[in-house]
N, C-alpha and C. Protein backbone atom coordinates (compact mmCIF):
# COMPACT_ATOMS: atom_id res chain seq x y z
N MET A 1 -1.20 -11.20 6.92
CA MET A 1 0.14 -10.75 6.67
C MET A 1 0.40 -9.51 7.53
N GLU A 2 1.45 -9.52 8.28
CA GLU A 2 1.72 -8.41 9.19
C GLU A 2 2.50 -7.30 8.49
N THR A 3 2.09 -6.07 8.73
CA THR A 3 2.83 -4.92 8.23
C THR A 3 3.25 -4.08 9.41
N ARG A 4 4.35 -3.35 9.25
CA ARG A 4 4.85 -2.52 10.34
C ARG A 4 5.12 -1.13 9.80
N GLU A 5 4.66 -0.12 10.51
CA GLU A 5 4.89 1.25 10.07
C GLU A 5 6.35 1.62 10.29
N GLN A 6 6.91 2.27 9.28
CA GLN A 6 8.30 2.70 9.35
C GLN A 6 8.32 4.20 9.13
N ARG A 7 8.75 4.94 10.13
CA ARG A 7 8.76 6.39 10.03
C ARG A 7 10.13 6.92 10.42
N PRO A 8 11.16 6.67 9.59
CA PRO A 8 12.49 7.11 9.95
C PRO A 8 12.61 8.63 10.10
N ASP A 9 11.92 9.35 9.23
CA ASP A 9 11.98 10.81 9.32
C ASP A 9 10.59 11.42 9.30
N GLY A 10 9.56 10.60 9.34
CA GLY A 10 8.19 11.08 9.32
C GLY A 10 7.70 11.43 7.93
N ALA A 11 8.58 11.35 6.92
CA ALA A 11 8.19 11.72 5.57
C ALA A 11 7.47 10.57 4.87
N PHE A 12 6.45 10.90 4.13
CA PHE A 12 5.71 10.00 3.25
C PHE A 12 4.95 8.89 3.97
N ASN A 13 5.18 8.67 5.25
CA ASN A 13 4.44 7.66 6.01
C ASN A 13 4.50 6.27 5.40
N HIS A 14 5.71 5.84 5.00
CA HIS A 14 5.91 4.50 4.45
C HIS A 14 5.60 3.43 5.48
N VAL A 15 5.06 2.31 5.02
CA VAL A 15 4.76 1.16 5.86
C VAL A 15 5.50 -0.04 5.27
N GLU A 16 6.22 -0.78 6.10
CA GLU A 16 6.91 -1.98 5.60
C GLU A 16 5.87 -3.02 5.22
N HIS A 17 6.19 -3.79 4.16
CA HIS A 17 5.30 -4.87 3.73
C HIS A 17 6.17 -6.01 3.22
N PRO A 18 5.86 -7.26 3.57
CA PRO A 18 6.73 -8.37 3.17
C PRO A 18 6.79 -8.62 1.67
N LEU A 19 5.86 -8.09 0.88
CA LEU A 19 5.86 -8.32 -0.56
C LEU A 19 6.39 -7.12 -1.35
N LEU A 20 6.98 -6.16 -0.68
CA LEU A 20 7.49 -4.94 -1.34
C LEU A 20 8.47 -5.31 -2.45
N HIS A 21 8.27 -4.73 -3.63
CA HIS A 21 9.09 -4.93 -4.83
C HIS A 21 9.01 -6.34 -5.39
N ARG A 22 7.92 -7.04 -5.10
CA ARG A 22 7.69 -8.38 -5.64
C ARG A 22 6.41 -8.38 -6.47
N GLN A 23 6.24 -9.39 -7.30
CA GLN A 23 5.03 -9.52 -8.11
C GLN A 23 3.87 -9.90 -7.22
N VAL A 24 2.78 -9.13 -7.33
CA VAL A 24 1.60 -9.34 -6.49
C VAL A 24 0.34 -9.29 -7.34
N ARG A 25 -0.77 -9.71 -6.72
CA ARG A 25 -2.09 -9.67 -7.36
C ARG A 25 -3.06 -9.03 -6.39
N ASP A 26 -3.92 -8.15 -6.91
CA ASP A 26 -5.01 -7.60 -6.11
C ASP A 26 -6.11 -8.65 -6.14
N ARG A 27 -6.41 -9.22 -5.00
CA ARG A 27 -7.38 -10.31 -4.89
C ARG A 27 -8.76 -9.92 -5.44
N LYS A 28 -9.19 -8.69 -5.23
CA LYS A 28 -10.54 -8.28 -5.64
C LYS A 28 -10.67 -8.05 -7.14
N THR A 29 -9.65 -7.47 -7.77
CA THR A 29 -9.75 -7.14 -9.19
C THR A 29 -9.02 -8.13 -10.08
N GLY A 30 -8.07 -8.88 -9.51
CA GLY A 30 -7.27 -9.81 -10.31
C GLY A 30 -6.12 -9.17 -11.04
N ARG A 31 -5.96 -7.86 -10.90
CA ARG A 31 -4.86 -7.16 -11.57
C ARG A 31 -3.54 -7.53 -10.90
N GLU A 32 -2.47 -7.61 -11.72
CA GLU A 32 -1.16 -7.99 -11.22
C GLU A 32 -0.13 -6.91 -11.52
N GLY A 33 0.93 -6.90 -10.72
CA GLY A 33 2.03 -5.97 -10.93
C GLY A 33 3.03 -6.07 -9.80
N THR A 34 3.93 -5.08 -9.74
CA THR A 34 4.96 -5.03 -8.71
C THR A 34 4.53 -4.09 -7.60
N LEU A 35 4.59 -4.56 -6.36
CA LEU A 35 4.23 -3.71 -5.23
C LEU A 35 5.34 -2.69 -5.02
N MET A 36 5.04 -1.42 -5.29
CA MET A 36 6.04 -0.35 -5.24
C MET A 36 6.14 0.27 -3.85
N ALA A 37 5.01 0.41 -3.16
CA ALA A 37 5.02 1.05 -1.84
C ALA A 37 3.69 0.81 -1.14
N VAL A 38 3.75 0.89 0.18
CA VAL A 38 2.54 0.92 1.00
C VAL A 38 2.68 2.17 1.86
N LEU A 39 1.70 3.06 1.75
CA LEU A 39 1.75 4.33 2.46
C LEU A 39 0.57 4.47 3.42
N ARG A 40 0.79 5.24 4.44
CA ARG A 40 -0.25 5.59 5.40
C ARG A 40 -0.76 6.97 4.98
N ASP A 41 -1.90 7.01 4.30
CA ASP A 41 -2.45 8.25 3.74
C ASP A 41 -3.48 8.87 4.68
N SER A 42 -3.43 10.19 4.80
CA SER A 42 -4.40 10.92 5.59
C SER A 42 -5.74 10.92 4.86
N VAL A 43 -6.82 10.61 5.59
CA VAL A 43 -8.15 10.62 4.99
C VAL A 43 -9.07 11.64 5.65
N GLY A 44 -8.51 12.48 6.53
CA GLY A 44 -9.30 13.54 7.13
C GLY A 44 -9.32 13.50 8.63
N ASN A 45 -10.16 14.35 9.20
CA ASN A 45 -10.30 14.46 10.65
C ASN A 45 -11.67 13.96 11.10
N VAL A 46 -11.65 13.23 12.22
CA VAL A 46 -12.89 12.78 12.84
C VAL A 46 -12.78 13.13 14.32
N SER A 47 -13.72 13.92 14.80
CA SER A 47 -13.72 14.36 16.20
C SER A 47 -12.40 15.00 16.60
N GLY A 48 -11.82 15.77 15.66
CA GLY A 48 -10.59 16.49 15.95
C GLY A 48 -9.33 15.65 15.88
N ARG A 49 -9.42 14.39 15.47
CA ARG A 49 -8.25 13.52 15.36
C ARG A 49 -8.01 13.15 13.91
N GLN A 50 -6.76 13.22 13.49
CA GLN A 50 -6.38 12.84 12.13
C GLN A 50 -6.59 11.34 11.93
N GLN A 51 -7.22 10.95 10.81
CA GLN A 51 -7.47 9.55 10.50
C GLN A 51 -6.63 9.15 9.28
N TYR A 52 -6.17 7.90 9.28
CA TYR A 52 -5.31 7.42 8.20
C TYR A 52 -5.82 6.10 7.65
N ALA A 53 -5.46 5.82 6.40
CA ALA A 53 -5.75 4.53 5.77
C ALA A 53 -4.47 4.08 5.06
N ARG A 54 -4.22 2.79 5.09
CA ARG A 54 -3.06 2.26 4.38
C ARG A 54 -3.46 1.97 2.94
N THR A 55 -2.58 2.33 2.00
CA THR A 55 -2.83 2.13 0.58
C THR A 55 -1.62 1.48 -0.06
N ALA A 56 -1.84 0.41 -0.82
CA ALA A 56 -0.76 -0.25 -1.57
C ALA A 56 -0.73 0.33 -2.98
N TYR A 57 0.46 0.66 -3.45
CA TYR A 57 0.66 1.19 -4.80
C TYR A 57 1.35 0.11 -5.63
N ILE A 58 0.68 -0.32 -6.71
CA ILE A 58 1.14 -1.43 -7.53
C ILE A 58 1.33 -0.93 -8.96
N ARG A 59 2.47 -1.30 -9.59
CA ARG A 59 2.75 -0.89 -10.97
C ARG A 59 2.64 -2.12 -11.87
N ASP A 60 1.78 -2.05 -12.89
CA ASP A 60 1.62 -3.18 -13.80
C ASP A 60 2.73 -3.18 -14.86
N ASP A 61 2.73 -4.18 -15.74
CA ASP A 61 3.80 -4.33 -16.74
C ASP A 61 3.88 -3.17 -17.72
N SER A 62 2.77 -2.47 -17.95
CA SER A 62 2.79 -1.34 -18.88
C SER A 62 3.28 -0.05 -18.21
N GLY A 63 3.51 -0.10 -16.89
CA GLY A 63 4.00 1.07 -16.17
C GLY A 63 2.91 1.88 -15.49
N VAL A 64 1.66 1.48 -15.65
CA VAL A 64 0.54 2.19 -15.02
C VAL A 64 0.42 1.72 -13.57
N GLU A 65 0.29 2.66 -12.65
CA GLU A 65 0.14 2.31 -11.25
C GLU A 65 -1.33 2.35 -10.85
N PHE A 66 -1.69 1.45 -9.95
CA PHE A 66 -3.03 1.44 -9.38
C PHE A 66 -2.91 1.18 -7.89
N THR A 67 -3.97 1.43 -7.17
CA THR A 67 -3.95 1.26 -5.72
C THR A 67 -4.87 0.12 -5.31
N ALA A 68 -4.58 -0.41 -4.12
CA ALA A 68 -5.40 -1.48 -3.56
C ALA A 68 -5.23 -1.46 -2.06
N PRO A 69 -6.18 -1.99 -1.31
CA PRO A 69 -5.98 -2.14 0.13
C PRO A 69 -4.87 -3.17 0.37
N PRO A 70 -3.92 -2.89 1.24
CA PRO A 70 -2.82 -3.85 1.47
C PRO A 70 -3.29 -5.24 1.88
N GLY A 71 -4.43 -5.34 2.53
CA GLY A 71 -4.96 -6.64 2.92
C GLY A 71 -5.44 -7.49 1.76
N ASP A 72 -5.64 -6.86 0.59
CA ASP A 72 -6.11 -7.58 -0.59
C ASP A 72 -4.95 -7.98 -1.52
N VAL A 73 -3.70 -7.66 -1.12
CA VAL A 73 -2.54 -7.95 -1.95
C VAL A 73 -1.98 -9.30 -1.55
N GLU A 74 -1.75 -10.16 -2.58
CA GLU A 74 -1.20 -11.49 -2.34
C GLU A 74 -0.12 -11.77 -3.39
N PRO A 75 0.78 -12.73 -3.14
CA PRO A 75 1.80 -13.05 -4.13
C PRO A 75 1.17 -13.51 -5.43
N ALA A 76 1.75 -13.11 -6.55
CA ALA A 76 1.21 -13.51 -7.87
C ALA A 76 1.69 -14.90 -8.24
C-alpha cells in the first residue's frame, strides 16, 4: 500500500494513507479500530542526520488509541 508524505506547513509531519478514517486491523496483534492518523515521528540522530519512523495511530471502539507500523495496517 503506497503512502505519501504531506507537509503543507511542516507541522506534525502527517503522512497520507489510503485507509485514513476507516476501520482497520493491526495484522500482528489483531486489534481493530479507526485509523486516525499516520505521522512521521522523529526517532533521533544517526551520524548527525535526523531519523524518522512512520507510526499509525488507531482508535478502538472504547476510545483508547494504540500505535502500529503503517505496513501492518489492513482493512478490517
